[in-house]
C-alpha atoms as a PDB file:
ATOM      1  CA  MET A   1     -44.492 -49.946 119.003  1.00  0.00           C
ATOM      2  CA  LEU A   2     -43.143 -48.730 122.362  1.00  0.00           C
ATOM      3  CA  ARG A   3     -44.364 -45.626 124.195  1.00  0.00           C
ATOM      4  CA  ALA A   4     -41.896 -44.419 126.805  1.00  0.00           C
ATOM      5  CA  GLU A   5     -40.410 -41.354 128.469  1.00  0.00           C
ATOM      6  CA  GLY A   6     -37.752 -40.107 126.079  1.00  0.00           C
ATOM      7  CA  GLY A   7     -34.651 -38.018 126.704  1.00  0.00           C
ATOM      8  CA  ARG A   8     -36.250 -34.936 125.125  1.00  0.00           C
ATOM      9  CA  GLY A   9     -39.194 -35.054 127.578  1.00  0.00           C
ATOM     10  CA  GLY A  10     -42.728 -36.269 126.988  1.00  0.00           C
ATOM     11  CA  LEU A  11     -43.954 -39.560 125.607  1.00  0.00           C
ATOM     12  CA  VAL A  12     -42.052 -41.007 122.663  1.00  0.00           C
ATOM     13  CA  GLU A  13     -43.280 -43.705 120.319  1.00  0.00           C
ATOM     14  CA  LEU A  14     -40.673 -45.950 118.772  1.00  0.00           C
ATOM     15  CA  LYS A  15     -41.892 -47.637 115.631  1.00  0.00           C
ATOM     16  CA  VAL A  16     -40.032 -50.736 114.447  1.00  0.00           C
ATOM     17  CA  THR A  17     -39.619 -51.380 110.725  1.00  0.00           C
ATOM     18  CA  ARG A  18     -37.838 -54.233 108.985  1.00  0.00           C
ATOM     19  CA  TRP A  19     -35.232 -53.477 106.318  1.00  0.00           C
ATOM     20  CA  LYS A  20     -33.658 -56.009 103.944  1.00  0.00           C
ATOM     21  CA  ARG A  21     -31.028 -54.950 101.459  1.00  0.00           C
ATOM     22  CA  TYR A  22     -27.550 -55.955 100.207  1.00  0.00           C
ATOM     23  CA  GLY A  23     -27.657 -59.189 102.249  1.00  0.00           C
ATOM     24  CA  HIS A  24     -28.617 -57.415 105.502  1.00  0.00           C
ATOM     25  CA  ASP A  25     -31.752 -58.076 107.549  1.00  0.00           C
ATOM     26  CA  ARG A  26     -32.378 -55.427 110.202  1.00  0.00           C
ATOM     27  CA  LEU A  27     -35.049 -54.086 112.507  1.00  0.00           C
ATOM     28  CA  TYR A  28     -34.944 -50.285 112.865  1.00  0.00           C
ATOM     29  CA  ALA A  29     -36.357 -48.413 115.854  1.00  0.00           C
ATOM     30  CA  ASN A  30     -37.566 -45.029 114.632  1.00  0.00           C
ATOM     31  CA  LEU A  31     -38.900 -41.870 116.253  1.00  0.00           C
ATOM     32  CA  PRO A  32     -42.371 -40.672 115.146  1.00  0.00           C
ATOM     33  CA  GLU A  33     -40.887 -38.415 112.452  1.00  0.00           C
ATOM     34  CA  GLY A  34     -38.901 -41.356 111.049  1.00  0.00           C
ATOM     35  CA  THR A  35     -35.413 -40.776 112.474  1.00  0.00           C
ATOM     36  CA  ALA A  36     -33.668 -44.059 113.280  1.00  0.00           C
ATOM     37  CA  VAL A  37     -32.361 -44.238 116.873  1.00  0.00           C
ATOM     38  CA  GLY A  38     -31.229 -47.871 116.844  1.00  0.00           C
ATOM     39  CA  TRP A  39     -31.266 -51.106 114.906  1.00  0.00           C
ATOM     40  CA  ALA A  40     -30.946 -54.854 115.424  1.00  0.00           C
ATOM     41  CA  ASP A  41     -29.416 -57.517 113.208  1.00  0.00           C
ATOM     42  CA  VAL A  42     -32.102 -60.175 112.789  1.00  0.00           C
ATOM     43  CA  LYS A  43     -29.522 -62.837 111.931  1.00  0.00           C
ATOM     44  CA  THR A  44     -27.218 -62.348 114.937  1.00  0.00           C
ATOM     45  CA  GLY A  45     -29.387 -60.544 117.472  1.00  0.00           C
ATOM     46  CA  ASP A  46     -26.862 -57.704 117.796  1.00  0.00           C
ATOM     47  CA  ILE A  47     -28.443 -54.393 118.793  1.00  0.00           C
ATOM     48  CA  THR A  48     -26.837 -51.073 117.881  1.00  0.00           C
ATOM     49  CA  VAL A  49     -27.936 -47.878 119.638  1.00  0.00           C
ATOM     50  CA  LEU A  50     -27.589 -44.837 117.375  1.00  0.00           C
ATOM     51  CA  VAL A  51     -28.786 -42.159 119.820  1.00  0.00           C
ATOM     52  CA  ALA A  52     -27.626 -42.681 123.408  1.00  0.00           C
ATOM     53  CA  GLU A  53     -30.520 -40.844 125.069  1.00  0.00           C
ATOM     54  CA  TYR A  54     -32.949 -43.474 123.740  1.00  0.00           C
ATOM     55  CA  ARG A  55     -30.719 -46.420 124.694  1.00  0.00           C
ATOM     56  CA  ASP A  56     -33.116 -48.102 127.149  1.00  0.00           C
ATOM     57  CA  ASP A  57     -36.130 -47.589 124.880  1.00  0.00           C
ATOM     58  CA  VAL A  58     -34.271 -48.973 121.859  1.00  0.00           C
ATOM     59  CA  ILE A  59     -33.084 -52.053 123.725  1.00  0.00           C
ATOM     60  CA  ALA A  60     -36.568 -52.781 125.102  1.00  0.00           C
ATOM     61  CA  VAL A  61     -38.475 -52.464 121.832  1.00  0.00           C
ATOM     62  CA  LEU A  62     -35.903 -54.281 119.680  1.00  0.00           C
ATOM     63  CA  THR A  63     -35.436 -57.080 122.216  1.00  0.00           C
ATOM     64  CA  ASP A  64     -39.183 -57.656 122.193  1.00  0.00           C
ATOM     65  CA  HIS A  65     -39.327 -57.719 118.391  1.00  0.00           C
ATOM     66  CA  LEU A  66     -36.334 -60.041 118.082  1.00  0.00           C
ATOM     67  CA  ARG A  67     -37.832 -62.570 120.489  1.00  0.00           C
ATOM     68  CA  ASN A  68     -41.196 -62.465 118.745  1.00  0.00           C
ATOM     69  CA  SER A  69     -39.849 -62.552 115.196  1.00  0.00           C
ATOM     70  CA  PRO A  70     -40.398 -65.716 113.106  1.00  0.00           C
ATOM     71  CA  GLU A  71     -36.663 -66.397 113.427  1.00  0.00           C
ATOM     72  CA  GLY A  72     -36.865 -66.265 117.227  1.00  0.00           C
ATOM     73  CA  VAL A  73     -33.407 -64.711 117.586  1.00  0.00           C
ATOM     74  CA  ALA A  74     -32.037 -64.155 121.089  1.00  0.00           C
ATOM     75  CA  PRO A  75     -30.829 -60.552 121.459  1.00  0.00           C
ATOM     76  CA  GLN A  76     -27.206 -59.797 122.288  1.00  0.00           C
ATOM     77  CA  LYS A  77     -26.651 -59.331 126.039  1.00  0.00           C
ATOM     78  CA  THR A  78     -24.617 -56.142 125.700  1.00  0.00           C
ATOM     79  CA  PRO A  79     -25.918 -53.830 122.987  1.00  0.00           C
ATOM     80  CA  ARG A  80     -23.264 -51.599 121.518  1.00  0.00           C
ATOM     81  CA  THR A  81     -23.258 -47.878 120.947  1.00  0.00           C
ATOM     82  CA  PRO A  82     -21.067 -46.623 118.091  1.00  0.00           C
ATOM     83  CA  LYS A  83     -18.139 -44.456 119.153  1.00  0.00           C
ATOM     84  CA  ALA A  84     -19.364 -41.662 116.905  1.00  0.00           C
ATOM     85  CA  GLU A  85     -23.126 -41.244 117.058  1.00  0.00           C
ATOM     86  CA  GLY A  86     -24.960 -40.537 113.862  1.00  0.00           C
ATOM     87  CA  PRO A  87     -23.803 -40.422 110.260  1.00  0.00           C
ATOM     88  CA  PRO A  88     -20.703 -38.524 109.053  1.00  0.00           C
ATOM     89  CA  LEU A  89     -21.182 -34.797 108.548  1.00  0.00           C
ATOM     90  CA  LEU A  90     -20.710 -32.931 105.287  1.00  0.00           C
ATOM     91  CA  PRO A  91     -18.980 -29.538 105.309  1.00  0.00           C
ATOM     92  CA  PRO A  92     -21.220 -26.449 105.168  1.00  0.00           C
ATOM     93  CA  LEU A  93     -22.872 -26.113 101.771  1.00  0.00           C
ATOM     94  CA  THR A  94     -21.321 -23.467  99.529  1.00  0.00           C
ATOM     95  CA  ALA A  95     -22.571 -22.079  96.227  1.00  0.00           C
ATOM     96  CA  ALA A  96     -19.849 -24.030  94.405  1.00  0.00           C
ATOM     97  CA  ASP A  97     -21.034 -27.318  95.922  1.00  0.00           C
ATOM     98  CA  ASP A  98     -24.785 -26.724  95.544  1.00  0.00           C
ATOM     99  CA  LEU A  99     -26.131 -29.050  92.848  1.00  0.00           C
ATOM    100  CA  SER A 100     -29.629 -27.590  93.065  1.00  0.00           C
ATOM    101  CA  THR A 101     -28.551 -24.933  90.549  1.00  0.00           C
ATOM    102  CA  ASN A 102     -27.714 -27.546  87.895  1.00  0.00           C
ATOM    103  CA  ARG A 103     -29.855 -27.392  84.781  1.00  0.00           C
ATOM    104  CA  PRO A 104     -31.089 -30.562  83.052  1.00  0.00           C
ATOM    105  CA  GLY A 105     -28.230 -31.848  80.910  1.00  0.00           C
ATOM    106  CA  GLU A 106     -25.683 -29.623  82.681  1.00  0.00           C
ATOM    107  CA  SER A 107     -22.835 -32.066  82.045  1.00  0.00           C
ATOM    108  CA  LEU A 108     -23.614 -32.093  78.309  1.00  0.00           C
ATOM    109  CA  LEU A 109     -23.990 -28.345  77.780  1.00  0.00           C
ATOM    110  CA  GLY A 110     -20.305 -27.926  76.980  1.00  0.00           C
ATOM    111  CA  LYS A 111     -20.407 -30.768  74.471  1.00  0.00           C
ATOM    112  CA  SER A 112     -23.170 -29.503  72.207  1.00  0.00           C
ATOM    113  CA  GLY A 113     -20.768 -29.292  69.296  1.00  0.00           C
ATOM    114  CA  PRO A 114     -19.673 -26.775  66.641  1.00  0.00           C
ATOM    115  CA  GLY A 115     -21.790 -24.132  64.951  1.00  0.00           C
ATOM    116  CA  LEU A 116     -24.175 -24.670  62.085  1.00  0.00           C
ATOM    117  CA  ILE A 117     -21.617 -23.927  59.332  1.00  0.00           C
ATOM    118  CA  LYS A 118     -19.082 -26.449  60.598  1.00  0.00           C
ATOM    119  CA  ARG A 119     -21.843 -28.973  61.184  1.00  0.00           C
ATOM    120  CA  PHE A 120     -23.010 -28.534  57.565  1.00  0.00           C
ATOM    121  CA  VAL A 121     -19.470 -29.066  56.266  1.00  0.00           C
ATOM    122  CA  LEU A 122     -19.044 -32.213  58.350  1.00  0.00           C
ATOM    123  CA  GLN A 123     -22.332 -33.577  57.035  1.00  0.00           C
ATOM    124  CA  LEU A 124     -21.236 -32.926  53.461  1.00  0.00           C
ATOM    125  CA  LEU A 125     -18.019 -34.813  54.151  1.00  0.00           C
ATOM    126  CA  ARG A 126     -20.044 -37.590  55.815  1.00  0.00           C
ATOM    127  CA  ARG A 127     -17.787 -37.526  58.836  1.00  0.00           C
ATOM    128  CA  PRO A 128     -19.160 -39.035  62.028  1.00  0.00           C
ATOM    129  CA  ALA A 129     -19.843 -36.423  64.675  1.00  0.00           C
ATOM    130  CA  GLU A 130     -19.735 -37.463  68.332  1.00  0.00           C
ATOM    131  CA  TRP A 131     -21.428 -34.237  69.324  1.00  0.00           C
ATOM    132  CA  ASP A 132     -24.559 -35.357  67.454  1.00  0.00           C
ATOM    133  CA  SER A 133     -25.234 -37.979  70.122  1.00  0.00           C
ATOM    134  CA  TRP A 134     -24.453 -35.413  72.818  1.00  0.00           C
ATOM    135  CA  ARG A 135     -27.010 -33.035  71.349  1.00  0.00           C
ATOM    136  CA  LYS A 136     -29.644 -35.748  71.324  1.00  0.00           C
ATOM    137  CA  GLY A 137     -28.781 -36.664  74.895  1.00  0.00           C
ATOM    138  CA  LEU A 138     -28.961 -33.022  75.941  1.00  0.00           C
ATOM    139  CA  ALA A 139     -32.359 -32.552  74.290  1.00  0.00           C
ATOM    140  CA  GLY A 140     -33.661 -35.695  75.988  1.00  0.00           C
ATOM    141  CA  GLU A 141     -32.465 -34.654  79.448  1.00  0.00           C
ATOM    142  CA  GLN A 142     -33.924 -31.177  79.015  1.00  0.00           C
ATOM    143  CA  ARG A 143     -37.334 -32.533  78.040  1.00  0.00           C
ATOM    144  CA  VAL A 144     -37.447 -35.034  80.897  1.00  0.00           C
ATOM    145  CA  GLY A 145     -36.067 -32.441  83.313  1.00  0.00           C
ATOM    146  CA  ALA A 146     -38.914 -30.094  82.434  1.00  0.00           C
ATOM    147  CA  GLU A 147     -41.457 -32.839  83.177  1.00  0.00           C
ATOM    148  CA  LEU A 148     -39.805 -33.661  86.518  1.00  0.00           C
ATOM    149  CA  ASN A 149     -39.672 -30.012  87.581  1.00  0.00           C
ATOM    150  CA  ARG A 150     -43.478 -29.945  87.386  1.00  0.00           C
ATOM    151  CA  LEU A 151     -43.597 -32.490  90.228  1.00  0.00           C
ATOM    152  CA  GLU A 152     -42.182 -29.979  92.714  1.00  0.00           C
ATOM    153  CA  ARG A 153     -45.673 -28.611  93.371  1.00  0.00           C
ATOM    154  CA  HIS A 154     -46.603 -32.093  94.633  1.00  0.00           C
ATOM    155  CA  GLY A 155     -43.906 -32.037  97.343  1.00  0.00           C
ATOM    156  CA  TRP A 156     -41.042 -33.524  95.334  1.00  0.00           C
ATOM    157  CA  ARG A 157     -37.467 -32.297  95.103  1.00  0.00           C
ATOM    158  CA  VAL A 158     -35.557 -32.579  91.817  1.00  0.00           C
ATOM    159  CA  LEU A 159     -31.836 -32.532  91.042  1.00  0.00           C
ATOM    160  CA  HIS A 160     -30.158 -32.789  87.637  1.00  0.00           C
ATOM    161  CA  SER A 161     -26.757 -33.898  86.314  1.00  0.00           C
ATOM    162  CA  ILE A 162     -25.155 -35.251  89.489  1.00  0.00           C
ATOM    163  CA  LEU A 163     -21.524 -35.999  88.678  1.00  0.00           C
ATOM    164  CA  LEU A 164     -20.064 -38.996  90.521  1.00  0.00           C
ATOM    165  CA  ALA A 165     -16.446 -39.666  91.432  1.00  0.00           C
ATOM    166  CA  ASP A 166     -15.565 -41.503  88.205  1.00  0.00           C
ATOM    167  CA  LYS A 167     -17.064 -38.858  85.879  1.00  0.00           C
ATOM    168  CA  VAL A 168     -20.282 -40.828  85.474  1.00  0.00           C
ATOM    169  CA  ASP A 169     -23.364 -38.723  86.031  1.00  0.00           C
ATOM    170  CA  VAL A 170     -26.896 -39.368  87.276  1.00  0.00           C
ATOM    171  CA  ASP A 171     -29.223 -37.642  84.794  1.00  0.00           C
ATOM    172  CA  HIS A 172     -31.919 -36.794  87.354  1.00  0.00           C
ATOM    173  CA  LEU A 173     -32.716 -37.541  90.987  1.00  0.00           C
ATOM    174  CA  LEU A 174     -36.301 -37.281  92.241  1.00  0.00           C
ATOM    175  CA  ILE A 175     -36.810 -37.128  96.018  1.00  0.00           C
ATOM    176  CA  GLY A 176     -40.187 -37.094  97.697  1.00  0.00           C
ATOM    177  CA  PRO A 177     -42.812 -38.815  99.844  1.00  0.00           C
ATOM    178  CA  GLY A 178     -42.757 -41.854  97.566  1.00  0.00           C
ATOM    179  CA  GLY A 179     -39.013 -42.390  97.994  1.00  0.00           C
ATOM    180  CA  VAL A 180     -36.028 -41.603  95.784  1.00  0.00           C
ATOM    181  CA  PHE A 181     -35.842 -42.305  92.055  1.00  0.00           C
ATOM    182  CA  SER A 182     -32.618 -42.429  90.074  1.00  0.00           C
ATOM    183  CA  ILE A 183     -33.652 -41.476  86.541  1.00  0.00           C
ATOM    184  CA  ASN A 184     -31.763 -42.334  83.373  1.00  0.00           C
ATOM    185  CA  THR A 185     -32.862 -40.604  80.153  1.00  0.00           C
ATOM    186  CA  LYS A 186     -32.485 -42.197  76.715  1.00  0.00           C
ATOM    187  CA  HIS A 187     -33.327 -40.276  73.527  1.00  0.00           C
ATOM    188  CA  HIS A 188     -34.202 -42.516  70.562  1.00  0.00           C
ATOM    189  CA  HIS A 189     -36.058 -40.306  68.112  1.00  0.00           C
ATOM    190  CA  LYS A 190     -38.673 -42.151  66.034  1.00  0.00           C
ATOM    191  CA  ARG A 191     -37.388 -45.531  67.168  1.00  0.00           C
ATOM    192  CA  ALA A 192     -39.185 -48.571  68.608  1.00  0.00           C
ATOM    193  CA  VAL A 193     -37.866 -49.722  71.990  1.00  0.00           C
ATOM    194  CA  TRP A 194     -38.213 -53.092  73.725  1.00  0.00           C
ATOM    195  CA  VAL A 195     -37.248 -53.413  77.406  1.00  0.00           C
ATOM    196  CA  GLY A 196     -36.431 -56.785  78.985  1.00  0.00           C
ATOM    197  CA  ASP A 197     -35.111 -57.839  82.381  1.00  0.00           C
ATOM    198  CA  ASP A 198     -31.467 -57.025  81.684  1.00  0.00           C
ATOM    199  CA  SER A 199     -31.333 -55.442  78.258  1.00  0.00           C
ATOM    200  CA  VAL A 200     -32.976 -52.989  75.900  1.00  0.00           C
ATOM    201  CA  LYS A 201     -33.299 -53.295  72.132  1.00  0.00           C
ATOM    202  CA  VAL A 202     -33.791 -50.322  69.835  1.00  0.00           C
ATOM    203  CA  ASP A 203     -35.423 -51.225  66.498  1.00  0.00           C
ATOM    204  CA  HIS A 204     -34.619 -54.904  67.206  1.00  0.00           C
ATOM    205  CA  GLY A 205     -30.908 -54.080  67.292  1.00  0.00           C
ATOM    206  CA  LYS A 206     -28.093 -55.198  69.558  1.00  0.00           C
ATOM    207  CA  PRO A 207     -29.070 -55.498  73.253  1.00  0.00           C
ATOM    208  CA  ALA A 208     -27.990 -52.564  75.402  1.00  0.00           C
ATOM    209  CA  PRO A 209     -27.489 -52.954  79.201  1.00  0.00           C
ATOM    210  CA  TYR A 210     -29.680 -49.958  80.131  1.00  0.00           C
ATOM    211  CA  ALA A 211     -31.760 -51.835  82.716  1.00  0.00           C
ATOM    212  CA  ARG A 212     -28.776 -53.447  84.424  1.00  0.00           C
ATOM    213  CA  LYS A 213     -26.872 -50.175  84.570  1.00  0.00           C
ATOM    214  CA  SER A 214     -29.911 -48.364  85.955  1.00  0.00           C
ATOM    215  CA  ARG A 215     -30.151 -50.861  88.811  1.00  0.00           C
ATOM    216  CA  ALA A 216     -26.448 -50.461  89.574  1.00  0.00           C
ATOM    217  CA  GLU A 217     -26.824 -46.668  89.538  1.00  0.00           C
ATOM    218  CA  ALA A 218     -29.741 -46.797  91.984  1.00  0.00           C
ATOM    219  CA  LYS A 219     -27.741 -48.967  94.389  1.00  0.00           C
ATOM    220  CA  ARG A 220     -24.858 -46.536  94.173  1.00  0.00           C
ATOM    221  CA  VAL A 221     -27.143 -43.596  94.935  1.00  0.00           C
ATOM    222  CA  ALA A 222     -28.677 -45.444  97.904  1.00  0.00           C
ATOM    223  CA  ARG A 223     -25.251 -46.127  99.401  1.00  0.00           C
ATOM    224  CA  VAL A 224     -24.233 -42.469  99.543  1.00  0.00           C
ATOM    225  CA  LEU A 225     -27.610 -41.218 100.760  1.00  0.00           C
ATOM    226  CA  GLU A 226     -27.827 -43.834 103.522  1.00  0.00           C
ATOM    227  CA  ARG A 227     -24.248 -43.112 104.556  1.00  0.00           C
ATOM    228  CA  TYR A 228     -24.959 -39.446 105.277  1.00  0.00           C
ATOM    229  CA  CYS A 229     -28.621 -39.707 106.310  1.00  0.00           C
ATOM    230  CA  GLY A 230     -28.239 -42.520 108.831  1.00  0.00           C
ATOM    231  CA  PHE A 231     -31.503 -44.246 107.907  1.00  0.00           C
ATOM    232  CA  PRO A 232     -32.650 -46.535 105.064  1.00  0.00           C
ATOM    233  CA  VAL A 233     -33.266 -44.604 101.839  1.00  0.00           C
ATOM    234  CA  PRO A 234     -35.159 -46.622  99.208  1.00  0.00           C
ATOM    235  CA  VAL A 235     -33.919 -45.743  95.713  1.00  0.00           C
ATOM    236  CA  GLU A 236     -35.686 -47.075  92.629  1.00  0.00           C
ATOM    237  CA  PRO A 237     -34.168 -47.058  89.133  1.00  0.00           C
ATOM    238  CA  VAL A 238     -36.146 -45.425  86.340  1.00  0.00           C
ATOM    239  CA  LEU A 239     -35.600 -45.451  82.570  1.00  0.00           C
ATOM    240  CA  VAL A 240     -37.296 -42.660  80.612  1.00  0.00           C
ATOM    241  CA  PHE A 241     -37.355 -42.853  76.807  1.00  0.00           C
ATOM    242  CA  VAL A 242     -37.744 -39.704  74.744  1.00  0.00           C
ATOM    243  CA  GLY A 243     -39.090 -39.429  71.205  1.00  0.00           C
ATOM    244  CA  VAL A 244     -39.807 -43.127  70.676  1.00  0.00           C
ATOM    245  CA  THR A 245     -42.626 -44.322  68.414  1.00  0.00           C
ATOM    246  CA  ASP A 246     -43.285 -47.498  70.408  1.00  0.00           C
ATOM    247  CA  LEU A 247     -42.288 -48.736  73.865  1.00  0.00           C
ATOM    248  CA  LYS A 248     -42.800 -52.336  74.980  1.00  0.00           C
ATOM    249  CA  VAL A 249     -41.860 -53.654  78.419  1.00  0.00           C
ATOM    250  CA  VAL A 250     -41.867 -57.411  79.113  1.00  0.00           C
ATOM    251  CA  ALA A 251     -44.164 -58.549  81.902  1.00  0.00           C
ATOM    252  CA  THR A 252     -41.321 -59.981  83.997  1.00  0.00           C
ATOM    253  CA  GLN A 253     -39.430 -56.657  84.071  1.00  0.00           C
ATOM    254  CA  LEU A 254     -40.334 -55.436  87.551  1.00  0.00           C
ATOM    255  CA  SER A 255     -37.052 -54.095  88.927  1.00  0.00           C
ATOM    256  CA  VAL A 256     -36.830 -50.912  86.823  1.00  0.00           C
ATOM    257  CA  ARG A 257     -39.650 -48.441  86.197  1.00  0.00           C
ATOM    258  CA  VAL A 258     -39.945 -47.609  82.489  1.00  0.00           C
ATOM    259  CA  TYR A 259     -41.729 -44.555  81.096  1.00  0.00           C
ATOM    260  CA  GLN A 260     -41.987 -42.274  78.130  1.00  0.00           C
ATOM    261  CA  GLU A 261     -41.229 -38.656  78.992  1.00  0.00           C
ATOM    262  CA  ARG A 262     -44.805 -37.510  79.640  1.00  0.00           C
ATOM    263  CA  GLN A 263     -45.511 -40.567  81.807  1.00  0.00           C
ATOM    264  CA  VAL A 264     -43.178 -39.527  84.641  1.00  0.00           C
ATOM    265  CA  ALA A 265     -46.151 -37.650  86.102  1.00  0.00           C
ATOM    266  CA  ALA A 266     -47.273 -41.088  87.346  1.00  0.00           C
ATOM    267  CA  LEU A 267     -44.695 -40.713  90.129  1.00  0.00           C
ATOM    268  CA  ALA A 268     -46.402 -37.623  91.591  1.00  0.00           C
ATOM    269  CA  PRO A 269     -49.053 -39.345  93.778  1.00  0.00           C
ATOM    270  CA  LEU A 270     -46.658 -41.891  95.314  1.00  0.00           C
ATOM    271  CA  SER A 271     -46.299 -41.538  99.089  1.00  0.00           C
ATOM    272  CA  GLY A 272     -45.783 -43.351 102.382  1.00  0.00           C
ATOM    273  CA  VAL A 273     -42.040 -44.007 102.033  1.00  0.00           C
ATOM    274  CA  LEU A 274     -40.340 -40.861 103.383  1.00  0.00           C
ATOM    275  CA  THR A 275     -41.666 -38.303 105.847  1.00  0.00           C
ATOM    276  CA  ALA A 276     -41.521 -34.612 104.964  1.00  0.00           C
ATOM    277  CA  GLU A 277     -38.544 -34.229 107.322  1.00  0.00           C
ATOM    278  CA  GLN A 278     -36.743 -37.170 105.726  1.00  0.00           C
ATOM    279  CA  VAL A 279     -37.359 -35.749 102.252  1.00  0.00           C
ATOM    280  CA  GLU A 280     -35.598 -32.535 103.258  1.00  0.00           C
ATOM    281  CA  GLN A 281     -32.759 -34.431 104.937  1.00  0.00           C
ATOM    282  CA  VAL A 282     -32.172 -36.608 101.872  1.00  0.00           C
ATOM    283  CA  TYR A 283     -32.369 -33.563  99.614  1.00  0.00           C
ATOM    284  CA  SER A 284     -29.836 -31.648 101.737  1.00  0.00           C
ATOM    285  CA  VAL A 285     -27.367 -34.534 101.297  1.00  0.00           C
ATOM    286  CA  ALA A 286     -28.107 -35.147  97.617  1.00  0.00           C
ATOM    287  CA  ARG A 287     -27.621 -31.504  96.619  1.00  0.00           C
ATOM    288  CA  HIS A 288     -24.115 -31.405  98.198  1.00  0.00           C
ATOM    289  CA  ARG A 289     -21.472 -32.047  95.560  1.00  0.00           C
ATOM    290  CA  GLN A 290     -18.963 -33.412  98.091  1.00  0.00           C
ATOM    291  CA  ALA A 291     -21.340 -36.199  99.116  1.00  0.00           C
ATOM    292  CA  TRP A 292     -20.803 -37.769  95.692  1.00  0.00           C
ATOM    293  CA  SER A 293     -17.100 -37.057  95.222  1.00  0.00           C
ATOM    294  CA  GLN A 294     -15.821 -40.336  96.669  1.00  0.00           C
ATOM    295  CA  VAL A 295     -18.563 -42.818  95.837  1.00  0.00           C
ATOM    296  CA  PRO A 296     -17.085 -46.050  94.414  1.00  0.00           C
ATOM    297  CA  PRO A 297     -19.051 -47.834  91.680  1.00  0.00           C
ATOM    298  CA  ALA A 298     -21.589 -50.418  92.814  1.00  0.00           C
ATOM    299  CA  ALA A 299     -21.325 -54.018  91.661  1.00  0.00           C
ATOM    300  CA  THR A 300     -23.505 -54.665  88.618  1.00  0.00           C
END
């Protein structure tokens, strides 16, 4: 940690944290509240200054950490400063773009199906009804959404039904001191569920790629949040099962959190990942519809 005279006046502490993701290995120099002002590539020694007024401080602290790292990387002689400082800016938030007003299952509300009379006729005719699965999905998202909304009193922010560019939606997004959680809801009423590393089986049936898709969704969420926030945003995938009679998770399945609906309260006490300021910054990006409008799918 470096203590130096900063551009805003007074003593400034720069805390260095290491970040490894998507094949990158970086050292970030952060202000006390967590804002990144520069980073270094551990593999090449390249230093990038994100905020010009802290240039000298960033170079000093990252150079010291690079030289003393186990890799012993020599820092680049001429650190670079990006032409445009900071992350790209979103347009001012309007009511039409504010996702905080979305209800749980918002994307399914228009698909709840025909009235009771038509439903009865279809059942008599034994015709398959696609809206039946939509209704189950809607009920599941509403129940999980209600549980997540209770976490707001613990300092968490919750968003529901975030529609991505390719019409895929994130059921719920939980943002708080313990990080960001991309939550996928699955409603399997009175069924037994088994969760493995890459697949899920319902009543010993055909494997479904729920776990793999949840990981891909979390990576996709992290990419857009980090793009607009300008600092690392840890996003964990979560699978929540509704209405199941039994839920078994194999011991080696560590990459996706798995809960029944009432168990999501276990996320409430998590902390130490995002500062209060970072939580609000991530939330301000996540609630903006246009942040998600051009997000390409992540590799699975």
